[in-house]
Amino acid sequence: MMRRRGVGIVGVAAVAHHASKRGAQQQAAADQNVAQQQQIEAQQEQLAAQQQAPVAAPGVDPTSAELQNLANLHAQGILTDEEYAAAKAKALGI
């Protein structure tokens, strides 16, 4: 009579242990990826906030800072003469 060879209790336990260990490693890697993604998103939000709100030098009138920013945009050719005049009038409340 042939003896049936099986994995046995020890073999099943070893397979279960390795599967559990592999699952834990995959979960740790996924958690690390999520943490890195959150950090990247936070940095992007911070950068976007810095780019949206130009900071005026201390003691500088916000209107003066806006006019200087408009003048720079006009000098760079980003604003046309008409756009510059309209934005300047709006900044001055005219």
N, C-alpha and C. Protein backbone atom coordinates (compact mmCIF):
# COMPACT_ATOMS: atom_id res chain seq x y z
N MET A 1 0.85 -1.17 0.00
CA MET A 1 0.00 0.00 0.00
C MET A 1 0.89 1.24 0.00
N MET A 2 0.50 2.20 -0.83
CA MET A 2 1.30 3.41 -0.91
C MET A 2 0.87 4.39 0.16
N ARG A 3 1.86 4.99 0.66
CA ARG A 3 1.57 5.99 1.70
C ARG A 3 1.33 7.34 1.03
N ARG A 4 0.34 7.98 1.44
CA ARG A 4 -0.02 9.29 0.90
C ARG A 4 0.83 10.37 1.56
N ARG A 5 1.44 11.15 0.72
CA ARG A 5 2.28 12.22 1.27
C ARG A 5 1.52 13.53 1.21
N GLY A 6 1.43 14.17 2.29
CA GLY A 6 0.72 15.44 2.35
C GLY A 6 1.63 16.51 2.90
N VAL A 7 1.11 17.64 2.97
CA VAL A 7 1.87 18.77 3.48
C VAL A 7 2.04 18.64 4.98
N GLY A 8 1.04 18.26 5.65
CA GLY A 8 1.11 18.11 7.10
C GLY A 8 0.86 19.41 7.82
N ILE A 9 0.70 19.31 9.08
CA ILE A 9 0.39 20.48 9.91
C ILE A 9 1.53 21.48 9.89
N VAL A 10 2.76 20.99 9.98
CA VAL A 10 3.91 21.90 10.00
C VAL A 10 4.01 22.64 8.66
N GLY A 11 3.79 21.93 7.58
CA GLY A 11 3.84 22.56 6.26
C GLY A 11 2.76 23.61 6.09
N VAL A 12 1.57 23.31 6.54
CA VAL A 12 0.47 24.27 6.45
C VAL A 12 0.78 25.50 7.28
N ALA A 13 1.33 25.29 8.46
CA ALA A 13 1.66 26.41 9.33
C ALA A 13 2.74 27.29 8.69
N ALA A 14 3.72 26.66 8.04
CA ALA A 14 4.80 27.42 7.40
C ALA A 14 4.25 28.25 6.24
N VAL A 15 3.38 27.65 5.44
CA VAL A 15 2.78 28.36 4.32
C VAL A 15 1.94 29.53 4.83
N ALA A 16 1.17 29.29 5.86
CA ALA A 16 0.33 30.34 6.44
C ALA A 16 1.19 31.47 7.00
N HIS A 17 2.30 31.12 7.63
CA HIS A 17 3.20 32.12 8.21
C HIS A 17 3.79 32.99 7.11
N HIS A 18 4.26 32.36 6.03
CA HIS A 18 4.85 33.12 4.93
C HIS A 18 3.82 34.00 4.25
N ALA A 19 2.62 33.49 4.08
CA ALA A 19 1.56 34.28 3.46
C ALA A 19 1.21 35.47 4.34
N SER A 20 1.17 35.24 5.64
CA SER A 20 0.86 36.31 6.58
C SER A 20 1.96 37.36 6.56
N LYS A 21 3.22 36.90 6.53
CA LYS A 21 4.35 37.82 6.51
C LYS A 21 4.35 38.64 5.22
N ARG A 22 4.08 37.98 4.09
CA ARG A 22 4.04 38.65 2.80
C ARG A 22 2.90 39.68 2.78
N GLY A 23 1.76 39.33 3.34
CA GLY A 23 0.63 40.26 3.41
C GLY A 23 0.96 41.48 4.26
N ALA A 24 1.67 41.25 5.36
CA ALA A 24 2.05 42.36 6.23
C ALA A 24 3.04 43.28 5.52
N GLN A 25 3.96 42.70 4.75
CA GLN A 25 4.92 43.50 4.01
C GLN A 25 4.22 44.33 2.93
N GLN A 26 3.27 43.72 2.25
CA GLN A 26 2.53 44.43 1.22
C GLN A 26 1.71 45.56 1.83
N GLN A 27 1.13 45.32 2.99
CA GLN A 27 0.34 46.36 3.66
C GLN A 27 1.24 47.50 4.10
N ALA A 28 2.44 47.16 4.62
CA ALA A 28 3.37 48.20 5.06
C ALA A 28 3.81 49.05 3.86
N ALA A 29 4.06 48.41 2.73
CA ALA A 29 4.45 49.14 1.53
C ALA A 29 3.30 50.04 1.05
N ALA A 30 2.08 49.54 1.10
CA ALA A 30 0.92 50.33 0.71
C ALA A 30 0.74 51.53 1.64
N ASP A 31 0.91 51.31 2.93
CA ASP A 31 0.80 52.40 3.90
C ASP A 31 1.87 53.46 3.64
N GLN A 32 3.09 53.00 3.31
CA GLN A 32 4.17 53.94 3.03
C GLN A 32 3.86 54.75 1.77
N ASN A 33 3.31 54.10 0.76
CA ASN A 33 2.94 54.80 -0.46
C ASN A 33 1.88 55.85 -0.20
N VAL A 34 0.90 55.52 0.62
CA VAL A 34 -0.16 56.47 0.97
C VAL A 34 0.44 57.66 1.71
N ALA A 35 1.34 57.39 2.64
CA ALA A 35 1.96 58.48 3.41
C ALA A 35 2.78 59.38 2.50
N GLN A 36 3.51 58.79 1.56
CA GLN A 36 4.30 59.59 0.63
C GLN A 36 3.39 60.43 -0.27
N GLN A 37 2.30 59.85 -0.71
CA GLN A 37 1.36 60.58 -1.57
C GLN A 37 0.75 61.76 -0.82
N GLN A 38 0.41 61.53 0.45
CA GLN A 38 -0.16 62.62 1.26
C GLN A 38 0.86 63.73 1.45
N GLN A 39 2.12 63.36 1.65
CA GLN A 39 3.16 64.36 1.83
C GLN A 39 3.35 65.17 0.54
N ILE A 40 3.33 64.49 -0.59
CA ILE A 40 3.46 65.19 -1.88
C ILE A 40 2.30 66.15 -2.09
N GLU A 41 1.08 65.69 -1.79
CA GLU A 41 -0.09 66.54 -1.95
C GLU A 41 -0.02 67.76 -1.05
N ALA A 42 0.46 67.58 0.18
CA ALA A 42 0.59 68.70 1.11
C ALA A 42 1.60 69.71 0.58
N GLN A 43 2.71 69.21 0.02
CA GLN A 43 3.72 70.11 -0.53
C GLN A 43 3.17 70.86 -1.74
N GLN A 44 2.40 70.17 -2.57
CA GLN A 44 1.81 70.82 -3.74
C GLN A 44 0.82 71.90 -3.32
N GLU A 45 0.01 71.62 -2.30
CA GLU A 45 -0.94 72.62 -1.81
C GLU A 45 -0.22 73.84 -1.26
N GLN A 46 0.87 73.58 -0.53
CA GLN A 46 1.64 74.68 0.04
C GLN A 46 2.26 75.53 -1.06
N LEU A 47 2.80 74.88 -2.08
CA LEU A 47 3.39 75.60 -3.19
C LEU A 47 2.34 76.41 -3.95
N ALA A 48 1.18 75.81 -4.16
CA ALA A 48 0.10 76.51 -4.85
C ALA A 48 -0.33 77.74 -4.06
N ALA A 49 -0.42 77.62 -2.76
CA ALA A 49 -0.82 78.76 -1.91
C ALA A 49 0.22 79.87 -1.99
N GLN A 50 1.48 79.49 -2.03
CA GLN A 50 2.55 80.50 -2.12
C GLN A 50 2.50 81.21 -3.46
N GLN A 51 2.19 80.48 -4.52
CA GLN A 51 2.16 81.08 -5.84
C GLN A 51 0.94 81.97 -6.03
N GLN A 52 -0.16 81.65 -5.37
CA GLN A 52 -1.38 82.43 -5.53
C GLN A 52 -1.33 83.76 -4.82
N ALA A 53 -0.69 83.81 -3.69
CA ALA A 53 -0.69 85.02 -2.89
C ALA A 53 0.71 85.61 -2.83
N PRO A 54 1.05 86.50 -3.74
CA PRO A 54 2.37 87.13 -3.64
C PRO A 54 2.45 87.95 -2.36
N VAL A 55 3.54 87.80 -1.68
CA VAL A 55 3.70 88.46 -0.39
C VAL A 55 4.37 89.82 -0.61
N ALA A 56 3.73 90.83 -0.12
CA ALA A 56 4.30 92.17 -0.20
C ALA A 56 5.33 92.33 0.91
N ALA A 57 6.31 93.15 0.64
CA ALA A 57 7.33 93.42 1.65
C ALA A 57 6.67 94.11 2.84
N PRO A 58 7.19 93.88 4.04
CA PRO A 58 6.60 94.52 5.23
C PRO A 58 6.60 96.04 5.07
N GLY A 59 5.49 96.63 5.41
CA GLY A 59 5.37 98.08 5.36
C GLY A 59 5.00 98.62 3.98
N VAL A 60 4.81 97.72 3.01
CA VAL A 60 4.45 98.16 1.66
C VAL A 60 2.93 98.12 1.53
N ASP A 61 2.40 99.17 0.97
CA ASP A 61 0.96 99.26 0.74
C ASP A 61 0.54 98.17 -0.25
N PRO A 62 -0.53 97.42 0.05
CA PRO A 62 -0.97 96.36 -0.86
C PRO A 62 -1.29 96.87 -2.27
N THR A 63 -1.82 98.09 -2.35
CA THR A 63 -2.13 98.67 -3.66
C THR A 63 -0.85 98.92 -4.44
N SER A 64 0.16 99.42 -3.75
CA SER A 64 1.45 99.65 -4.41
C SER A 64 2.06 98.34 -4.89
N ALA A 65 1.94 97.31 -4.08
CA ALA A 65 2.47 96.00 -4.45
C ALA A 65 1.74 95.47 -5.68
N GLU A 66 0.43 95.65 -5.71
CA GLU A 66 -0.37 95.21 -6.85
C GLU A 66 0.01 95.97 -8.11
N LEU A 67 0.19 97.28 -7.99
CA LEU A 67 0.59 98.09 -9.14
C LEU A 67 1.97 97.68 -9.66
N GLN A 68 2.87 97.38 -8.74
CA GLN A 68 4.21 96.94 -9.14
C GLN A 68 4.13 95.59 -9.85
N ASN A 69 3.29 94.70 -9.34
CA ASN A 69 3.10 93.39 -9.97
C ASN A 69 2.53 93.56 -11.38
N LEU A 70 1.55 94.43 -11.53
CA LEU A 70 0.97 94.69 -12.84
C LEU A 70 2.00 95.28 -13.80
N ALA A 71 2.82 96.20 -13.30
CA ALA A 71 3.86 96.81 -14.13
C ALA A 71 4.86 95.75 -14.59
N ASN A 72 5.20 94.83 -13.71
CA ASN A 72 6.12 93.75 -14.08
C ASN A 72 5.51 92.86 -15.16
N LEU A 73 4.23 92.52 -14.99
CA LEU A 73 3.55 91.69 -15.98
C LEU A 73 3.48 92.40 -17.34
N HIS A 74 3.25 93.70 -17.30
CA HIS A 74 3.19 94.49 -18.53
C HIS A 74 4.56 94.54 -19.19
N ALA A 75 5.60 94.76 -18.38
CA ALA A 75 6.96 94.83 -18.93
C ALA A 75 7.40 93.50 -19.54
N GLN A 76 6.91 92.40 -18.99
CA GLN A 76 7.25 91.07 -19.52
C GLN A 76 6.43 90.72 -20.76
N GLY A 77 5.47 91.56 -21.07
CA GLY A 77 4.64 91.30 -22.24
C GLY A 77 3.47 90.36 -21.96
N ILE A 78 3.24 90.06 -20.71
CA ILE A 78 2.12 89.18 -20.34
C ILE A 78 0.80 89.92 -20.44
N LEU A 79 0.82 91.21 -20.08
CA LEU A 79 -0.38 92.05 -20.20
C LEU A 79 -0.19 93.02 -21.37
N THR A 80 -1.25 93.17 -22.13
CA THR A 80 -1.24 94.18 -23.19
C THR A 80 -1.41 95.55 -22.56
N ASP A 81 -1.25 96.59 -23.36
CA ASP A 81 -1.44 97.95 -22.86
C ASP A 81 -2.85 98.14 -22.31
N GLU A 82 -3.83 97.58 -23.04
CA GLU A 82 -5.23 97.72 -22.63
C GLU A 82 -5.49 96.95 -21.33
N GLU A 83 -4.96 95.74 -21.25
CA GLU A 83 -5.16 94.93 -20.04
C GLU A 83 -4.49 95.59 -18.84
N TYR A 84 -3.31 96.13 -19.08
CA TYR A 84 -2.59 96.81 -18.00
C TYR A 84 -3.36 98.03 -17.51
N ALA A 85 -3.87 98.83 -18.43
CA ALA A 85 -4.62 100.02 -18.06
C ALA A 85 -5.89 99.65 -17.28
N ALA A 86 -6.59 98.60 -17.74
CA ALA A 86 -7.81 98.18 -17.05
C ALA A 86 -7.51 97.66 -15.65
N ALA A 87 -6.47 96.84 -15.53
CA ALA A 87 -6.12 96.27 -14.23
C ALA A 87 -5.62 97.36 -13.27
N LYS A 88 -4.89 98.30 -13.81
CA LYS A 88 -4.38 99.41 -13.00
C LYS A 88 -5.55 100.25 -12.47
N ALA A 89 -6.52 100.55 -13.35
CA ALA A 89 -7.67 101.33 -12.92
C ALA A 89 -8.47 100.58 -11.86
N LYS A 90 -8.59 99.28 -12.03
CA LYS A 90 -9.32 98.47 -11.05
C LYS A 90 -8.59 98.48 -9.70
N ALA A 91 -7.26 98.35 -9.73
CA ALA A 91 -6.47 98.35 -8.50
C ALA A 91 -6.57 99.70 -7.77
N LEU A 92 -6.66 100.76 -8.55
CA LEU A 92 -6.75 102.08 -7.96
C LEU A 92 -8.18 102.47 -7.59
N GLY A 93 -9.14 101.63 -8.00
CA GLY A 93 -10.54 101.92 -7.69
C GLY A 93 -11.14 103.00 -8.55
N ILE A 94 -10.62 103.15 -9.73
CA ILE A 94 -11.08 104.20 -10.65
C ILE A 94 -12.18 103.63 -11.53
